[in-house]
């Protein structure tokens, strides 16, 4: 779940609050944007998991390589 205060902060950095029409409540806007992002994020996770796992036919050699690459990247940080 997204932090609604962070979403509000980012939103207010992108648009001027005076630009929001009077009939649009800022809290409802933040909630709607948050849900929109969450729904898209979960779809993105599902799609990328399917790709990562080769659509149900995992290539374990490739996955092992990705794990090693990530460990190397973490050491470099």
Foldseek 3Di string as FASTA:
>chain_A
DDDLVVLLVVVCVVDPPVPDDPVDDSSVVSVVVVVVVVVVVVVVVVVVVCVCCVNVPRPVVVVVVVVVVVVVVVVVD
